[in-house]
Amino acid sequence: MTKPFDPTKPFTTKSGKQRTFIGVLSGPTPIGETIVVQDPDDGSVDLYFPDGRYNKDRPSPSLDLVNTPDHVEVEAWAVVNKNGCCSAWAKKEDAENAASSLEGGGRVVWLTGSYER
């Protein structure tokens, strides 16, 4: 299921062209447009419908707007003991404390990655 278009989140045209969010009109135009965006390449300003469509009655694959995913960077710390078992920690300091308390010590490993919301 596709999420509804949200002009306050990052977006591009469906063809991947950047557009800059200018604002939402206080009321719709006579045909229903409410979103104001600008083309950063040539400075032109266009009006869009609330769902990100450029044309009311037909799709415009090169002009319709779509939200782009937010990339979220995450990090965690793992403590691996001598048997290969591990535990995860949000803070490096906590992982180091846990590793130092293990009999025979433990190895602290930094885990990082990203995901799309």
C-alpha atoms as a PDB file:
ATOM      1  CA  MET A   1       0.000   0.000   0.000  1.00  0.00           C
ATOM      2  CA  THR A   2       1.372   3.395  -1.004  1.00  0.00           C
ATOM      3  CA  LYS A   3       1.448   6.141   1.595  1.00  0.00           C
ATOM      4  CA  PRO A   4      -0.318   9.385   0.685  1.00  0.00           C
ATOM      5  CA  PHE A   5       1.891  12.137  -0.710  1.00  0.00           C
ATOM      6  CA  ASP A   6       3.192  14.507   1.986  1.00  0.00           C
ATOM      7  CA  PRO A   7       4.704  17.785   0.706  1.00  0.00           C
ATOM      8  CA  THR A   8       6.449  18.386   4.048  1.00  0.00           C
ATOM      9  CA  LYS A   9       8.641  15.279   3.521  1.00  0.00           C
ATOM     10  CA  PRO A  10      11.435  14.933   0.926  1.00  0.00           C
ATOM     11  CA  PHE A  11      10.157  14.465  -2.631  1.00  0.00           C
ATOM     12  CA  THR A  12      11.080  14.484  -6.310  1.00  0.00           C
ATOM     13  CA  THR A  13       9.139  14.064  -9.516  1.00  0.00           C
ATOM     14  CA  LYS A  14       8.486  10.452 -10.476  1.00  0.00           C
ATOM     15  CA  SER A  15      11.238  10.854 -13.076  1.00  0.00           C
ATOM     16  CA  GLY A  16      13.701  11.830 -10.316  1.00  0.00           C
ATOM     17  CA  LYS A  17      13.923  15.592 -10.901  1.00  0.00           C
ATOM     18  CA  GLN A  18      14.413  17.707  -7.786  1.00  0.00           C
ATOM     19  CA  ARG A  19      11.700  20.158  -6.775  1.00  0.00           C
ATOM     20  CA  THR A  20      11.685  22.601  -3.867  1.00  0.00           C
ATOM     21  CA  PHE A  21       8.634  22.879  -1.609  1.00  0.00           C
ATOM     22  CA  ILE A  22       7.461  26.500  -1.427  1.00  0.00           C
ATOM     23  CA  GLY A  23       4.226  26.094   0.507  1.00  0.00           C
ATOM     24  CA  VAL A  24       0.584  25.131   0.578  1.00  0.00           C
ATOM     25  CA  LEU A  25      -2.017  27.626  -0.582  1.00  0.00           C
ATOM     26  CA  SER A  26      -4.495  28.785   2.067  1.00  0.00           C
ATOM     27  CA  GLY A  27      -7.246  27.544  -0.239  1.00  0.00           C
ATOM     28  CA  PRO A  28      -7.334  25.522  -3.451  1.00  0.00           C
ATOM     29  CA  THR A  29      -7.287  27.072  -6.922  1.00  0.00           C
ATOM     30  CA  PRO A  30     -10.558  26.771  -8.891  1.00  0.00           C
ATOM     31  CA  ILE A  31      -9.479  23.323 -10.152  1.00  0.00           C
ATOM     32  CA  GLY A  32      -8.158  22.138  -6.767  1.00  0.00           C
ATOM     33  CA  GLU A  33      -4.400  22.736  -6.759  1.00  0.00           C
ATOM     34  CA  THR A  34      -2.892  23.529  -3.357  1.00  0.00           C
ATOM     35  CA  ILE A  35       0.854  22.712  -3.390  1.00  0.00           C
ATOM     36  CA  VAL A  36       3.424  25.213  -4.682  1.00  0.00           C
ATOM     37  CA  VAL A  37       6.834  23.905  -5.786  1.00  0.00           C
ATOM     38  CA  GLN A  38       9.808  25.336  -7.649  1.00  0.00           C
ATOM     39  CA  ASP A  39      12.173  23.797 -10.170  1.00  0.00           C
ATOM     40  CA  PRO A  40      15.632  24.632  -8.784  1.00  0.00           C
ATOM     41  CA  ASP A  41      17.193  24.391 -12.266  1.00  0.00           C
ATOM     42  CA  ASP A  42      15.195  27.096 -14.022  1.00  0.00           C
ATOM     43  CA  GLY A  43      13.338  28.798 -11.141  1.00  0.00           C
ATOM     44  CA  SER A  44       9.898  28.063 -12.565  1.00  0.00           C
ATOM     45  CA  VAL A  45       7.039  27.626 -10.103  1.00  0.00           C
ATOM     46  CA  ASP A  46       4.270  25.056 -10.534  1.00  0.00           C
ATOM     47  CA  LEU A  47       1.045  24.186  -8.745  1.00  0.00           C
ATOM     48  CA  TYR A  48       0.172  20.619  -7.812  1.00  0.00           C
ATOM     49  CA  PHE A  49      -2.833  18.791  -6.440  1.00  0.00           C
ATOM     50  CA  PRO A  50      -2.761  17.642  -2.774  1.00  0.00           C
ATOM     51  CA  ASP A  51      -1.912  14.066  -3.807  1.00  0.00           C
ATOM     52  CA  GLY A  52       1.182  15.202  -5.748  1.00  0.00           C
ATOM     53  CA  ARG A  53      -0.399  15.001  -9.196  1.00  0.00           C
ATOM     54  CA  TYR A  54       0.445  17.651 -11.792  1.00  0.00           C
ATOM     55  CA  ASN A  55      -2.668  17.005 -13.914  1.00  0.00           C
ATOM     56  CA  LYS A  56      -6.071  16.443 -12.373  1.00  0.00           C
ATOM     57  CA  ASP A  57      -7.391  13.829 -14.787  1.00  0.00           C
ATOM     58  CA  ARG A  58      -4.343  11.852 -15.911  1.00  0.00           C
ATOM     59  CA  PRO A  59      -0.980  10.707 -14.581  1.00  0.00           C
ATOM     60  CA  SER A  60       2.088  12.670 -15.614  1.00  0.00           C
ATOM     61  CA  PRO A  61       5.011  10.310 -14.940  1.00  0.00           C
ATOM     62  CA  SER A  62       7.645  12.961 -15.567  1.00  0.00           C
ATOM     63  CA  LEU A  63       5.936  15.644 -13.441  1.00  0.00           C
ATOM     64  CA  ASP A  64       3.920  13.953 -10.671  1.00  0.00           C
ATOM     65  CA  LEU A  65       5.528  14.180  -7.223  1.00  0.00           C
ATOM     66  CA  VAL A  66       6.489  11.244  -5.002  1.00  0.00           C
ATOM     67  CA  ASN A  67       8.004  11.195  -1.554  1.00  0.00           C
ATOM     68  CA  THR A  68      11.540   9.885  -1.353  1.00  0.00           C
ATOM     69  CA  PRO A  69      12.454   7.622   1.526  1.00  0.00           C
ATOM     70  CA  ASP A  70      14.163   9.031   4.592  1.00  0.00           C
ATOM     71  CA  HIS A  71      17.445   7.267   5.230  1.00  0.00           C
ATOM     72  CA  VAL A  72      18.082   6.724   8.897  1.00  0.00           C
ATOM     73  CA  GLU A  73      21.572   5.924  10.142  1.00  0.00           C
ATOM     74  CA  VAL A  74      21.732   3.708  13.204  1.00  0.00           C
ATOM     75  CA  GLU A  75      24.551   2.441  15.367  1.00  0.00           C
ATOM     76  CA  ALA A  76      24.838  -0.020  18.201  1.00  0.00           C
ATOM     77  CA  TRP A  77      27.562  -1.869  20.027  1.00  0.00           C
ATOM     78  CA  ALA A  78      27.869  -5.617  20.519  1.00  0.00           C
ATOM     79  CA  VAL A  79      29.852  -7.484  23.117  1.00  0.00           C
ATOM     80  CA  VAL A  80      31.097 -10.859  21.911  1.00  0.00           C
ATOM     81  CA  ASN A  81      32.296 -13.259  24.590  1.00  0.00           C
ATOM     82  CA  LYS A  82      34.870 -16.043  24.190  1.00  0.00           C
ATOM     83  CA  ASN A  83      32.123 -18.521  23.241  1.00  0.00           C
ATOM     84  CA  GLY A  84      30.880 -16.306  20.418  1.00  0.00           C
ATOM     85  CA  CYS A  85      27.685 -15.235  22.200  1.00  0.00           C
ATOM     86  CA  CYS A  86      26.891 -11.585  22.065  1.00  0.00           C
ATOM     87  CA  SER A  87      24.726  -8.881  23.567  1.00  0.00           C
ATOM     88  CA  ALA A  88      23.804  -5.524  22.014  1.00  0.00           C
ATOM     89  CA  TRP A  89      24.111  -2.085  23.569  1.00  0.00           C
ATOM     90  CA  ALA A  90      23.015   1.373  22.443  1.00  0.00           C
ATOM     91  CA  LYS A  91      26.044   3.131  23.956  1.00  0.00           C
ATOM     92  CA  LYS A  92      29.711   2.247  23.536  1.00  0.00           C
ATOM     93  CA  GLU A  93      30.416   2.966  27.210  1.00  0.00           C
ATOM     94  CA  ASP A  94      27.765   0.449  28.301  1.00  0.00           C
ATOM     95  CA  ALA A  95      29.200  -2.168  25.943  1.00  0.00           C
ATOM     96  CA  GLU A  96      32.711  -1.581  27.246  1.00  0.00           C
ATOM     97  CA  ASN A  97      31.488  -1.939  30.848  1.00  0.00           C
ATOM     98  CA  ALA A  98      29.705  -5.169  29.965  1.00  0.00           C
ATOM     99  CA  ALA A  99      32.799  -6.532  28.189  1.00  0.00           C
ATOM    100  CA  SER A 100      35.066  -5.738  31.109  1.00  0.00           C
ATOM    101  CA  SER A 101      32.740  -7.525  33.520  1.00  0.00           C
ATOM    102  CA  LEU A 102      32.821 -10.802  31.565  1.00  0.00           C
ATOM    103  CA  GLU A 103      35.025 -13.586  32.811  1.00  0.00           C
ATOM    104  CA  GLY A 104      37.786 -13.794  30.248  1.00  0.00           C
ATOM    105  CA  GLY A 105      36.756 -10.440  28.802  1.00  0.00           C
ATOM    106  CA  GLY A 106      34.762  -9.682  25.736  1.00  0.00           C
ATOM    107  CA  ARG A 107      35.274  -7.957  22.441  1.00  0.00           C
ATOM    108  CA  VAL A 108      33.333  -4.756  21.686  1.00  0.00           C
ATOM    109  CA  VAL A 109      32.171  -4.482  18.067  1.00  0.00           C
ATOM    110  CA  TRP A 110      30.640  -1.380  16.470  1.00  0.00           C
ATOM    111  CA  LEU A 111      27.517  -2.092  14.413  1.00  0.00           C
ATOM    112  CA  THR A 112      26.198   0.467  11.960  1.00  0.00           C
ATOM    113  CA  GLY A 113      23.743   0.604   9.112  1.00  0.00           C
ATOM    114  CA  SER A 114      20.917   2.502   7.543  1.00  0.00           C
ATOM    115  CA  TYR A 115      17.330   1.837   6.676  1.00  0.00           C
ATOM    116  CA  GLU A 116      14.502   3.603   4.917  1.00  0.00           C
ATOM    117  CA  ARG A 117      11.440   4.759   6.811  1.00  0.00           C
END
